[in-house]
Amino acid sequence: MADLKLFRVMDGVATELPSTSMALERNLQTLIESNLESIFGVRFLASEYDTGKVHRGRIDSLGLDENGSPVILEYKRTTNETVINQGLFYLDWLMDHRGEFQILVDRRLGRETALAIDWSAPRLICVANDFTRYDEHAVRQIDRNVELVRYRDFGSELLAIELVTTTTTTADGSRRIPSASAEGPTRQGRDRTVAELLTQADENLRALYEAFEVFALSLGDDVVKNERKNYFAFRRLKNFACAEVHPQSRNLLVYLKLDPSTVEMRDGFIRDVSNIGHFGTGDVELRITNRETWGTVEALTRRAYEAN
């Protein structure tokens, strides 16, 4: 981001806009907290949250992302500040104080949201004007969900945000697609998770999902997959796609975060679900039953990735 240059073009003449690191004491934090959902897809909960007399700290920003995962944001104010270590310390505090966090969510966002918190993938987002290569290397060695985000201020109307590095974890530290012969009991009816439904799907449906996952993850090194109870979410800073599997109807449903007015609807394949309840995020639904429409699936998914 230090090399990012932005130009204003008028009458064929390009004029470079000067950039600054912005005063970080409160200005950037206040700006991000006021626009947390539009920038990161995170609902704001608290600023400068006191961790108590034992831990003696203050979490810069607390939030809950669109998949129900707790989010800690820490802002690097000086070049030598150990913001990553500090954030990891607060992540441990958060996991030890789930009840306190749930009460905060209940008070700010409601009981239903508080009961649906996903504790499997809490996130740490570190925001700074720049990171060293040692910061980036260290994050890649950490078995936690950590994102390094770099910013640059181009004046009162322009703010650039770049996801520098992201890491994510699963139960075994690797990407997982359940096999048809997976062992262990499965639940019935509405209690089944999306992973269990995928295990019970026929070969064609499993192949469709696997092809979609491989494509979505191949869009960039910044793509992260999160497994929720009812859907798989694919995100950069924000979700761009969510996927469900339905073994009985043999459908793969993909929800893309796109403006429905910019997409041509097709009966039985693409529809506007902005006013229809569904799991996950995204207002455009793709109902996929075979590979005949795969070119369109990839094109629209790429659009959603680039837009988010």
C-alpha atoms as a PDB file:
ATOM      1  CA  MET A   1       0.000   0.000   0.000  1.00  0.00           C
ATOM      2  CA  ALA A   2       2.942   2.336   0.535  1.00  0.00           C
ATOM      3  CA  ASP A   3       3.433   2.241  -3.232  1.00  0.00           C
ATOM      4  CA  LEU A   4      -0.242   2.797  -4.054  1.00  0.00           C
ATOM      5  CA  LYS A   5      -0.751   5.943  -6.089  1.00  0.00           C
ATOM      6  CA  LEU A   6      -4.103   7.522  -6.824  1.00  0.00           C
ATOM      7  CA  PHE A   7      -4.645  10.027  -9.635  1.00  0.00           C
ATOM      8  CA  ARG A   8      -7.460  12.430 -10.453  1.00  0.00           C
ATOM      9  CA  VAL A   9      -7.996  12.631 -14.217  1.00  0.00           C
ATOM     10  CA  MET A  10      -9.507  15.820 -15.649  1.00  0.00           C
ATOM     11  CA  ASP A  11      -9.476  16.734 -19.333  1.00  0.00           C
ATOM     12  CA  GLY A  12      -6.953  13.996 -20.008  1.00  0.00           C
ATOM     13  CA  VAL A  13      -4.515  15.248 -17.374  1.00  0.00           C
ATOM     14  CA  ALA A  14      -3.619  12.944 -14.454  1.00  0.00           C
ATOM     15  CA  THR A  15      -2.787  14.650 -11.160  1.00  0.00           C
ATOM     16  CA  GLU A  16      -1.470  12.536  -8.294  1.00  0.00           C
ATOM     17  CA  LEU A  17      -3.363  12.830  -5.027  1.00  0.00           C
ATOM     18  CA  PRO A  18      -1.079  13.026  -1.996  1.00  0.00           C
ATOM     19  CA  SER A  19      -1.684  10.439   0.713  1.00  0.00           C
ATOM     20  CA  THR A  20      -1.090  10.428   4.459  1.00  0.00           C
ATOM     21  CA  SER A  21      -1.201   7.924   7.278  1.00  0.00           C
ATOM     22  CA  MET A  22      -3.971   9.852   9.106  1.00  0.00           C
ATOM     23  CA  ALA A  23      -3.822  10.726  12.760  1.00  0.00           C
ATOM     24  CA  LEU A  24      -4.379   7.347  14.401  1.00  0.00           C
ATOM     25  CA  GLU A  25      -5.068   8.343  17.979  1.00  0.00           C
ATOM     26  CA  ARG A  26      -8.819   8.438  17.421  1.00  0.00           C
ATOM     27  CA  ASN A  27      -9.648   9.710  13.931  1.00  0.00           C
ATOM     28  CA  LEU A  28      -9.257   6.442  12.024  1.00  0.00           C
ATOM     29  CA  GLN A  29     -10.768   4.351  14.792  1.00  0.00           C
ATOM     30  CA  THR A  30     -13.808   6.621  14.982  1.00  0.00           C
ATOM     31  CA  LEU A  31     -14.213   6.571  11.201  1.00  0.00           C
ATOM     32  CA  ILE A  32     -14.021   2.773  11.007  1.00  0.00           C
ATOM     33  CA  GLU A  33     -16.335   2.225  13.961  1.00  0.00           C
ATOM     34  CA  SER A  34     -18.912   4.512  12.336  1.00  0.00           C
ATOM     35  CA  ASN A  35     -18.687   2.489   9.095  1.00  0.00           C
ATOM     36  CA  LEU A  36     -17.780  -0.934  10.420  1.00  0.00           C
ATOM     37  CA  GLU A  37     -20.524  -2.809   8.581  1.00  0.00           C
ATOM     38  CA  SER A  38     -19.896  -1.241   5.183  1.00  0.00           C
ATOM     39  CA  ILE A  39     -16.101  -1.687   5.403  1.00  0.00           C
ATOM     40  CA  PHE A  40     -15.752  -5.064   7.117  1.00  0.00           C
ATOM     41  CA  GLY A  41     -19.263  -6.528   7.239  1.00  0.00           C
ATOM     42  CA  VAL A  42     -19.097  -6.292  11.051  1.00  0.00           C
ATOM     43  CA  ARG A  43     -21.782  -4.937  13.367  1.00  0.00           C
ATOM     44  CA  PHE A  44     -20.355  -2.536  15.955  1.00  0.00           C
ATOM     45  CA  LEU A  45     -20.660  -3.453  19.635  1.00  0.00           C
ATOM     46  CA  ALA A  46     -18.225  -1.388  21.720  1.00  0.00           C
ATOM     47  CA  SER A  47     -15.234   0.945  21.644  1.00  0.00           C
ATOM     48  CA  GLU A  48     -12.340   0.892  24.123  1.00  0.00           C
ATOM     49  CA  TYR A  49     -13.880  -2.090  25.912  1.00  0.00           C
ATOM     50  CA  ASP A  50     -12.447  -2.547  29.416  1.00  0.00           C
ATOM     51  CA  THR A  51     -11.179  -6.088  30.086  1.00  0.00           C
ATOM     52  CA  GLY A  52     -11.172  -5.629  33.850  1.00  0.00           C
ATOM     53  CA  LYS A  53      -8.692  -5.281  36.677  1.00  0.00           C
ATOM     54  CA  VAL A  54      -6.970  -8.639  36.117  1.00  0.00           C
ATOM     55  CA  HIS A  55      -6.170  -8.233  32.408  1.00  0.00           C
ATOM     56  CA  ARG A  56      -5.850  -4.442  32.676  1.00  0.00           C
ATOM     57  CA  GLY A  57      -6.512  -3.649  29.017  1.00  0.00           C
ATOM     58  CA  ARG A  58      -8.900  -2.005  26.594  1.00  0.00           C
ATOM     59  CA  ILE A  59      -9.996  -3.632  23.341  1.00  0.00           C
ATOM     60  CA  ASP A  60     -10.015  -0.933  20.655  1.00  0.00           C
ATOM     61  CA  SER A  61     -13.199  -2.124  18.895  1.00  0.00           C
ATOM     62  CA  LEU A  62     -15.523  -5.075  19.429  1.00  0.00           C
ATOM     63  CA  GLY A  63     -17.996  -6.367  16.852  1.00  0.00           C
ATOM     64  CA  LEU A  64     -19.901  -9.335  15.450  1.00  0.00           C
ATOM     65  CA  ASP A  65     -19.492 -10.288  11.801  1.00  0.00           C
ATOM     66  CA  GLU A  66     -22.204 -11.311   9.333  1.00  0.00           C
ATOM     67  CA  ASN A  67     -21.586 -15.003  10.096  1.00  0.00           C
ATOM     68  CA  GLY A  68     -22.085 -14.487  13.829  1.00  0.00           C
ATOM     69  CA  SER A  69     -18.366 -14.655  14.726  1.00  0.00           C
ATOM     70  CA  PRO A  70     -16.921 -12.311  17.394  1.00  0.00           C
ATOM     71  CA  VAL A  71     -14.453  -9.749  16.003  1.00  0.00           C
ATOM     72  CA  ILE A  72     -11.706  -7.787  17.738  1.00  0.00           C
ATOM     73  CA  LEU A  73     -10.168  -4.809  15.920  1.00  0.00           C
ATOM     74  CA  GLU A  74      -6.843  -3.372  17.059  1.00  0.00           C
ATOM     75  CA  TYR A  75      -5.249  -0.262  15.509  1.00  0.00           C
ATOM     76  CA  LYS A  76      -1.477   0.040  15.216  1.00  0.00           C
ATOM     77  CA  ARG A  77      -0.577   3.573  16.267  1.00  0.00           C
ATOM     78  CA  THR A  78       3.239   3.363  16.071  1.00  0.00           C
ATOM     79  CA  THR A  79       5.642   1.395  13.881  1.00  0.00           C
ATOM     80  CA  ASN A  80       7.095  -0.540  16.818  1.00  0.00           C
ATOM     81  CA  GLU A  81       3.806  -1.370  18.537  1.00  0.00           C
ATOM     82  CA  THR A  82       3.156  -5.114  19.001  1.00  0.00           C
ATOM     83  CA  VAL A  83      -0.474  -4.889  17.946  1.00  0.00           C
ATOM     84  CA  ILE A  84      -0.644  -8.539  16.829  1.00  0.00           C
ATOM     85  CA  ASN A  85       0.507  -9.896  20.198  1.00  0.00           C
ATOM     86  CA  GLN A  86      -1.843  -7.520  21.958  1.00  0.00           C
ATOM     87  CA  GLY A  87      -4.751  -8.648  19.790  1.00  0.00           C
ATOM     88  CA  LEU A  88      -3.988 -12.329  20.436  1.00  0.00           C
ATOM     89  CA  PHE A  89      -3.981 -11.588  24.168  1.00  0.00           C
ATOM     90  CA  TYR A  90      -7.462 -10.095  23.818  1.00  0.00           C
ATOM     91  CA  LEU A  91      -8.648 -13.072  21.739  1.00  0.00           C
ATOM     92  CA  ASP A  92      -7.732 -15.364  24.630  1.00  0.00           C
ATOM     93  CA  TRP A  93      -9.525 -13.024  27.013  1.00  0.00           C
ATOM     94  CA  LEU A  94     -12.609 -13.133  24.784  1.00  0.00           C
ATOM     95  CA  MET A  95     -12.722 -16.943  24.712  1.00  0.00           C
ATOM     96  CA  ASP A  96     -12.508 -16.961  28.524  1.00  0.00           C
ATOM     97  CA  HIS A  97     -15.324 -14.383  28.850  1.00  0.00           C
ATOM     98  CA  ARG A  98     -17.951 -15.703  26.461  1.00  0.00           C
ATOM     99  CA  GLY A  99     -20.775 -14.997  28.864  1.00  0.00           C
ATOM    100  CA  GLU A 100     -19.772 -11.341  29.177  1.00  0.00           C
ATOM    101  CA  PHE A 101     -19.584 -10.996  25.394  1.00  0.00           C
ATOM    102  CA  GLN A 102     -22.968 -12.687  24.962  1.00  0.00           C
ATOM    103  CA  ILE A 103     -24.540 -10.227  27.395  1.00  0.00           C
ATOM    104  CA  LEU A 104     -23.043  -7.349  25.389  1.00  0.00           C
ATOM    105  CA  VAL A 105     -24.472  -8.766  22.133  1.00  0.00           C
ATOM    106  CA  ASP A 106     -27.846  -9.345  23.812  1.00  0.00           C
ATOM    107  CA  ARG A 107     -27.933  -5.724  24.981  1.00  0.00           C
ATOM    108  CA  ARG A 108     -26.850  -4.233  21.636  1.00  0.00           C
ATOM    109  CA  LEU A 109     -28.242  -6.604  18.991  1.00  0.00           C
ATOM    110  CA  GLY A 110     -30.906  -8.678  20.722  1.00  0.00           C
ATOM    111  CA  ARG A 111     -31.378 -12.082  22.340  1.00  0.00           C
ATOM    112  CA  GLU A 112     -31.760 -14.059  19.115  1.00  0.00           C
ATOM    113  CA  THR A 113     -28.416 -12.765  17.789  1.00  0.00           C
ATOM    114  CA  ALA A 114     -26.712 -13.430  21.124  1.00  0.00           C
ATOM    115  CA  LEU A 115     -27.870 -17.057  21.160  1.00  0.00           C
ATOM    116  CA  ALA A 116     -26.555 -17.589  17.621  1.00  0.00           C
ATOM    117  CA  ILE A 117     -22.942 -16.471  18.256  1.00  0.00           C
ATOM    118  CA  ASP A 118     -20.443 -18.731  16.460  1.00  0.00           C
ATOM    119  CA  TRP A 119     -17.516 -19.326  18.805  1.00  0.00           C
ATOM    120  CA  SER A 120     -15.670 -21.605  16.371  1.00  0.00           C
ATOM    121  CA  ALA A 121     -14.023 -18.776  14.420  1.00  0.00           C
ATOM    122  CA  PRO A 122     -13.417 -15.545  16.400  1.00  0.00           C
ATOM    123  CA  ARG A 123     -11.467 -13.013  14.323  1.00  0.00           C
ATOM    124  CA  LEU A 124      -8.683 -10.531  15.021  1.00  0.00           C
ATOM    125  CA  ILE A 125      -8.361  -7.636  12.549  1.00  0.00           C
ATOM    126  CA  CYS A 126      -5.220  -5.518  12.905  1.00  0.00           C
ATOM    127  CA  VAL A 127      -5.385  -2.141  11.129  1.00  0.00           C
ATOM    128  CA  ALA A 128      -2.229  -0.115  10.411  1.00  0.00           C
ATOM    129  CA  ASN A 129      -0.639   2.270   7.957  1.00  0.00           C
ATOM    130  CA  ASP A 130       1.933  -0.430   7.262  1.00  0.00           C
ATOM    131  CA  PHE A 131       3.215  -3.802   8.440  1.00  0.00           C
ATOM    132  CA  THR A 132       6.711  -5.246   8.291  1.00  0.00           C
ATOM    133  CA  ARG A 133       7.518  -8.485   6.495  1.00  0.00           C
ATOM    134  CA  TYR A 134       8.122  -9.937   9.958  1.00  0.00           C
ATOM    135  CA  ASP A 135       4.524  -9.109  10.922  1.00  0.00           C
ATOM    136  CA  GLU A 136       3.237 -10.897   7.842  1.00  0.00           C
ATOM    137  CA  HIS A 137       5.453 -13.922   8.450  1.00  0.00           C
ATOM    138  CA  ALA A 138       4.440 -14.120  12.114  1.00  0.00           C
ATOM    139  CA  VAL A 139       0.739 -14.131  11.283  1.00  0.00           C
ATOM    140  CA  ARG A 140       1.202 -17.052   8.900  1.00  0.00           C
ATOM    141  CA  GLN A 141       2.621 -19.106  11.791  1.00  0.00           C
ATOM    142  CA  ILE A 142      -0.322 -18.396  14.097  1.00  0.00           C
ATOM    143  CA  ASP A 143      -3.105 -20.959  14.384  1.00  0.00           C
ATOM    144  CA  ARG A 144      -5.790 -18.295  14.761  1.00  0.00           C
ATOM    145  CA  ASN A 145      -8.055 -16.239  12.496  1.00  0.00           C
ATOM    146  CA  VAL A 146      -5.975 -13.080  12.019  1.00  0.00           C
ATOM    147  CA  GLU A 147      -6.202 -10.410   9.308  1.00  0.00           C
ATOM    148  CA  LEU A 148      -3.718  -7.622   8.651  1.00  0.00           C
ATOM    149  CA  VAL A 149      -5.380  -4.616   7.007  1.00  0.00           C
ATOM    150  CA  ARG A 150      -3.404  -1.691   5.622  1.00  0.00           C
ATOM    151  CA  TYR A 151      -4.936   1.753   5.016  1.00  0.00           C
ATOM    152  CA  ARG A 152      -4.024   4.985   3.266  1.00  0.00           C
ATOM    153  CA  ASP A 153      -5.795   8.339   3.504  1.00  0.00           C
ATOM    154  CA  PHE A 154      -6.105  10.331   0.255  1.00  0.00           C
ATOM    155  CA  GLY A 155      -7.955  13.281   1.690  1.00  0.00           C
ATOM    156  CA  SER A 156     -11.293  13.799   3.375  1.00  0.00           C
ATOM    157  CA  GLU A 157     -13.220  11.838   0.725  1.00  0.00           C
ATOM    158  CA  LEU A 158     -10.904   8.924  -0.140  1.00  0.00           C
ATOM    159  CA  LEU A 159      -9.710   6.105   2.096  1.00  0.00           C
ATOM    160  CA  ALA A 160      -7.939   3.029   0.678  1.00  0.00           C
ATOM    161  CA  ILE A 161      -8.168  -0.325   2.494  1.00  0.00           C
ATOM    162  CA  GLU A 162      -6.047  -3.374   1.606  1.00  0.00           C
ATOM    163  CA  LEU A 163      -6.189  -6.876   3.067  1.00  0.00           C
ATOM    164  CA  VAL A 164      -2.482  -7.722   3.342  1.00  0.00           C
ATOM    165  CA  THR A 165      -2.534 -11.151   4.969  1.00  0.00           C
ATOM    166  CA  THR A 166      -5.228 -13.416   6.334  1.00  0.00           C
ATOM    167  CA  THR A 167      -5.052 -16.748   8.123  1.00  0.00           C
ATOM    168  CA  THR A 168      -7.840 -19.088   9.092  1.00  0.00           C
ATOM    169  CA  THR A 169      -8.123 -22.365  10.956  1.00  0.00           C
ATOM    170  CA  THR A 170     -10.294 -25.463  10.907  1.00  0.00           C
ATOM    171  CA  ALA A 171     -10.477 -28.310  13.351  1.00  0.00           C
ATOM    172  CA  ASP A 172      -7.570 -30.079  11.649  1.00  0.00           C
ATOM    173  CA  GLY A 173      -5.906 -27.007  10.129  1.00  0.00           C
ATOM    174  CA  SER A 174      -6.855 -27.852   6.548  1.00  0.00           C
ATOM    175  CA  ARG A 175      -9.629 -27.422   3.990  1.00  0.00           C
ATOM    176  CA  ARG A 176     -12.247 -30.086   4.570  1.00  0.00           C
ATOM    177  CA  ILE A 177     -14.814 -31.626   2.235  1.00  0.00           C
ATOM    178  CA  PRO A 178     -16.582 -34.557   3.958  1.00  0.00           C
ATOM    179  CA  SER A 179     -16.415 -37.902   2.180  1.00  0.00           C
ATOM    180  CA  ALA A 180     -19.425 -40.055   1.442  1.00  0.00           C
ATOM    181  CA  SER A 181     -18.006 -42.730   3.767  1.00  0.00           C
ATOM    182  CA  ALA A 182     -17.425 -40.357   6.673  1.00  0.00           C
ATOM    183  CA  GLU A 183     -17.895 -42.153   9.981  1.00  0.00           C
ATOM    184  CA  GLY A 184     -20.026 -41.102  12.905  1.00  0.00           C
ATOM    185  CA  PRO A 185     -23.749 -40.610  13.510  1.00  0.00           C
ATOM    186  CA  THR A 186     -25.669 -37.943  11.636  1.00  0.00           C
ATOM    187  CA  ARG A 187     -28.675 -36.054  12.890  1.00  0.00           C
ATOM    188  CA  GLN A 188     -31.991 -35.983  11.145  1.00  0.00           C
ATOM    189  CA  GLY A 189     -34.287 -33.224   9.902  1.00  0.00           C
ATOM    190  CA  ARG A 190     -33.580 -29.602  10.684  1.00  0.00           C
ATOM    191  CA  ASP A 191     -30.824 -30.471  13.171  1.00  0.00           C
ATOM    192  CA  ARG A 192     -28.450 -31.591  10.430  1.00  0.00           C
ATOM    193  CA  THR A 193     -25.572 -29.240   9.706  1.00  0.00           C
ATOM    194  CA  VAL A 194     -24.516 -28.246   6.212  1.00  0.00           C
ATOM    195  CA  ALA A 195     -21.443 -30.493   6.587  1.00  0.00           C
ATOM    196  CA  GLU A 196     -23.678 -33.464   7.437  1.00  0.00           C
ATOM    197  CA  LEU A 197     -25.977 -32.684   4.522  1.00  0.00           C
ATOM    198  CA  LEU A 198     -22.961 -32.609   2.221  1.00  0.00           C
ATOM    199  CA  THR A 199     -21.870 -36.007   3.537  1.00  0.00           C
ATOM    200  CA  GLN A 200     -25.319 -37.409   2.693  1.00  0.00           C
ATOM    201  CA  ALA A 201     -25.509 -35.821  -0.767  1.00  0.00           C
ATOM    202  CA  ASP A 202     -25.201 -37.883  -3.946  1.00  0.00           C
ATOM    203  CA  GLU A 203     -22.037 -37.887  -6.020  1.00  0.00           C
ATOM    204  CA  ASN A 204     -23.274 -35.221  -8.465  1.00  0.00           C
ATOM    205  CA  LEU A 205     -24.233 -32.727  -5.749  1.00  0.00           C
ATOM    206  CA  ARG A 206     -21.000 -33.289  -3.855  1.00  0.00           C
ATOM    207  CA  ALA A 207     -19.025 -32.737  -7.051  1.00  0.00           C
ATOM    208  CA  LEU A 208     -20.916 -29.491  -7.727  1.00  0.00           C
ATOM    209  CA  TYR A 209     -20.163 -28.165  -4.259  1.00  0.00           C
ATOM    210  CA  GLU A 210     -16.514 -29.208  -4.418  1.00  0.00           C
ATOM    211  CA  ALA A 211     -16.135 -27.489  -7.813  1.00  0.00           C
ATOM    212  CA  PHE A 212     -17.692 -24.309  -6.422  1.00  0.00           C
ATOM    213  CA  GLU A 213     -15.468 -24.317  -3.332  1.00  0.00           C
ATOM    214  CA  VAL A 214     -12.322 -24.863  -5.382  1.00  0.00           C
ATOM    215  CA  PHE A 215     -13.290 -22.005  -7.719  1.00  0.00           C
ATOM    216  CA  ALA A 216     -14.218 -19.595  -4.913  1.00  0.00           C
ATOM    217  CA  LEU A 217     -10.959 -20.239  -3.043  1.00  0.00           C
ATOM    218  CA  SER A 218      -8.955 -19.867  -6.256  1.00  0.00           C
ATOM    219  CA  LEU A 219     -10.178 -16.295  -6.780  1.00  0.00           C
ATOM    220  CA  GLY A 220      -7.463 -14.921  -4.497  1.00  0.00           C
ATOM    221  CA  ASP A 221      -5.161 -15.609  -1.573  1.00  0.00           C
ATOM    222  CA  ASP A 222      -7.417 -13.370   0.502  1.00  0.00           C
ATOM    223  CA  VAL A 223     -10.421 -15.736   0.306  1.00  0.00           C
ATOM    224  CA  VAL A 224     -11.401 -17.456   3.541  1.00  0.00           C
ATOM    225  CA  LYS A 225     -14.029 -20.181   3.964  1.00  0.00           C
ATOM    226  CA  ASN A 226     -16.081 -20.361   7.161  1.00  0.00           C
ATOM    227  CA  GLU A 227     -18.332 -23.304   7.961  1.00  0.00           C
ATOM    228  CA  ARG A 228     -21.524 -22.305   9.745  1.00  0.00           C
ATOM    229  CA  LYS A 229     -24.285 -24.638  10.878  1.00  0.00           C
ATOM    230  CA  ASN A 230     -26.491 -24.015   7.843  1.00  0.00           C
ATOM    231  CA  TYR A 231     -24.115 -22.766   5.157  1.00  0.00           C
ATOM    232  CA  PHE A 232     -20.536 -22.356   3.981  1.00  0.00           C
ATOM    233  CA  ALA A 233     -19.423 -18.718   3.751  1.00  0.00           C
ATOM    234  CA  PHE A 234     -16.678 -17.400   1.481  1.00  0.00           C
ATOM    235  CA  ARG A 235     -15.276 -13.977   2.299  1.00  0.00           C
ATOM    236  CA  ARG A 236     -12.515 -11.463   1.819  1.00  0.00           C
ATOM    237  CA  LEU A 237     -13.025  -8.607   4.270  1.00  0.00           C
ATOM    238  CA  LYS A 238     -16.753  -9.348   3.849  1.00  0.00           C
ATOM    239  CA  ASN A 239     -18.765 -12.318   2.599  1.00  0.00           C
ATOM    240  CA  PHE A 240     -19.138 -12.485  -1.160  1.00  0.00           C
ATOM    241  CA  ALA A 241     -20.807 -15.912  -1.420  1.00  0.00           C
ATOM    242  CA  CYS A 242     -22.626 -18.448   0.751  1.00  0.00           C
ATOM    243  CA  ALA A 243     -23.455 -22.018  -0.252  1.00  0.00           C
ATOM    244  CA  GLU A 244     -26.044 -24.551   0.926  1.00  0.00           C
ATOM    245  CA  VAL A 245     -26.540 -28.173  -0.138  1.00  0.00           C
ATOM    246  CA  HIS A 246     -29.972 -29.833  -0.350  1.00  0.00           C
ATOM    247  CA  PRO A 247     -29.651 -33.607  -0.865  1.00  0.00           C
ATOM    248  CA  GLN A 248     -33.397 -34.271  -1.283  1.00  0.00           C
ATOM    249  CA  SER A 249     -33.861 -31.788  -4.143  1.00  0.00           C
ATOM    250  CA  ARG A 250     -30.254 -32.349  -5.312  1.00  0.00           C
ATOM    251  CA  ASN A 251     -29.699 -28.586  -5.464  1.00  0.00           C
ATOM    252  CA  LEU A 252     -26.655 -26.524  -4.649  1.00  0.00           C
ATOM    253  CA  LEU A 253     -27.839 -23.053  -3.610  1.00  0.00           C
ATOM    254  CA  VAL A 254     -25.323 -20.231  -3.835  1.00  0.00           C
ATOM    255  CA  TYR A 255     -26.129 -16.757  -2.511  1.00  0.00           C
ATOM    256  CA  LEU A 256     -24.036 -13.943  -3.948  1.00  0.00           C
ATOM    257  CA  LYS A 257     -23.651 -10.465  -2.514  1.00  0.00           C
ATOM    258  CA  LEU A 258     -24.679  -8.583  -5.651  1.00  0.00           C
ATOM    259  CA  ASP A 259     -27.271  -5.941  -6.441  1.00  0.00           C
ATOM    260  CA  PRO A 260     -30.163  -7.932  -7.992  1.00  0.00           C
ATOM    261  CA  SER A 261     -30.964  -5.002 -10.302  1.00  0.00           C
ATOM    262  CA  THR A 262     -27.615  -5.588 -12.044  1.00  0.00           C
ATOM    263  CA  VAL A 263     -28.232  -9.306 -12.697  1.00  0.00           C
ATOM    264  CA  GLU A 264     -30.504 -10.859 -15.314  1.00  0.00           C
ATOM    265  CA  MET A 265     -32.888 -13.255 -13.555  1.00  0.00           C
ATOM    266  CA  ARG A 266     -33.643 -16.681 -15.028  1.00  0.00           C
ATOM    267  CA  ASP A 267     -36.526 -18.885 -13.924  1.00  0.00           C
ATOM    268  CA  GLY A 268     -35.293 -21.927 -12.065  1.00  0.00           C
ATOM    269  CA  PHE A 269     -31.685 -20.716 -11.994  1.00  0.00           C
ATOM    270  CA  ILE A 270     -31.205 -17.090 -10.856  1.00  0.00           C
ATOM    271  CA  ARG A 271     -33.631 -15.186  -8.629  1.00  0.00           C
ATOM    272  CA  ASP A 272     -33.796 -12.108  -6.427  1.00  0.00           C
ATOM    273  CA  VAL A 273     -34.054 -13.149  -2.760  1.00  0.00           C
ATOM    274  CA  SER A 274     -33.573  -9.714  -1.224  1.00  0.00           C
ATOM    275  CA  ASN A 275     -37.080 -10.005   0.282  1.00  0.00           C
ATOM    276  CA  ILE A 276     -37.033 -13.759   0.874  1.00  0.00           C
ATOM    277  CA  GLY A 277     -35.655 -15.261   4.065  1.00  0.00           C
ATOM    278  CA  HIS A 278     -32.655 -17.585   3.680  1.00  0.00           C
ATOM    279  CA  PHE A 279     -29.498 -18.655   5.482  1.00  0.00           C
ATOM    280  CA  GLY A 280     -26.271 -16.776   4.852  1.00  0.00           C
ATOM    281  CA  THR A 281     -25.828 -13.442   3.114  1.00  0.00           C
ATOM    282  CA  GLY A 282     -26.416 -12.306  -0.452  1.00  0.00           C
ATOM    283  CA  ASP A 283     -29.450 -11.123  -2.427  1.00  0.00           C
ATOM    284  CA  VAL A 284     -28.907 -13.150  -5.609  1.00  0.00           C
ATOM    285  CA  GLU A 285     -29.611 -16.888  -5.472  1.00  0.00           C
ATOM    286  CA  LEU A 286     -28.154 -19.405  -7.929  1.00  0.00           C
ATOM    287  CA  ARG A 287     -29.915 -22.790  -8.009  1.00  0.00           C
ATOM    288  CA  ILE A 288     -27.348 -25.189  -9.482  1.00  0.00           C
ATOM    289  CA  THR A 289     -28.228 -28.754 -10.496  1.00  0.00           C
ATOM    290  CA  ASN A 290     -25.617 -29.493 -13.162  1.00  0.00           C
ATOM    291  CA  ARG A 291     -22.578 -28.024 -14.938  1.00  0.00           C
ATOM    292  CA  GLU A 292     -24.516 -26.655 -17.931  1.00  0.00           C
ATOM    293  CA  THR A 293     -24.667 -23.155 -16.430  1.00  0.00           C
ATOM    294  CA  TRP A 294     -21.210 -23.254 -14.855  1.00  0.00           C
ATOM    295  CA  GLY A 295     -19.824 -20.416 -16.945  1.00  0.00           C
ATOM    296  CA  THR A 296     -22.491 -18.085 -15.567  1.00  0.00           C
ATOM    297  CA  VAL A 297     -21.917 -19.357 -12.022  1.00  0.00           C
ATOM    298  CA  GLU A 298     -18.215 -18.531 -12.234  1.00  0.00           C
ATOM    299  CA  ALA A 299     -18.784 -15.142 -13.884  1.00  0.00           C
ATOM    300  CA  LEU A 300     -21.285 -13.990 -11.239  1.00  0.00           C
ATOM    301  CA  THR A 301     -19.193 -15.356  -8.369  1.00  0.00           C
ATOM    302  CA  ARG A 302     -16.170 -13.484  -9.671  1.00  0.00           C
ATOM    303  CA  ARG A 303     -18.260 -10.300  -9.831  1.00  0.00           C
ATOM    304  CA  ALA A 304     -19.312 -10.776  -6.208  1.00  0.00           C
ATOM    305  CA  TYR A 305     -15.694 -11.379  -5.180  1.00  0.00           C
ATOM    306  CA  GLU A 306     -14.496  -8.217  -6.909  1.00  0.00           C
ATOM    307  CA  ALA A 307     -17.350  -6.160  -5.428  1.00  0.00           C
ATOM    308  CA  ASN A 308     -16.650  -7.172  -1.822  1.00  0.00           C
END
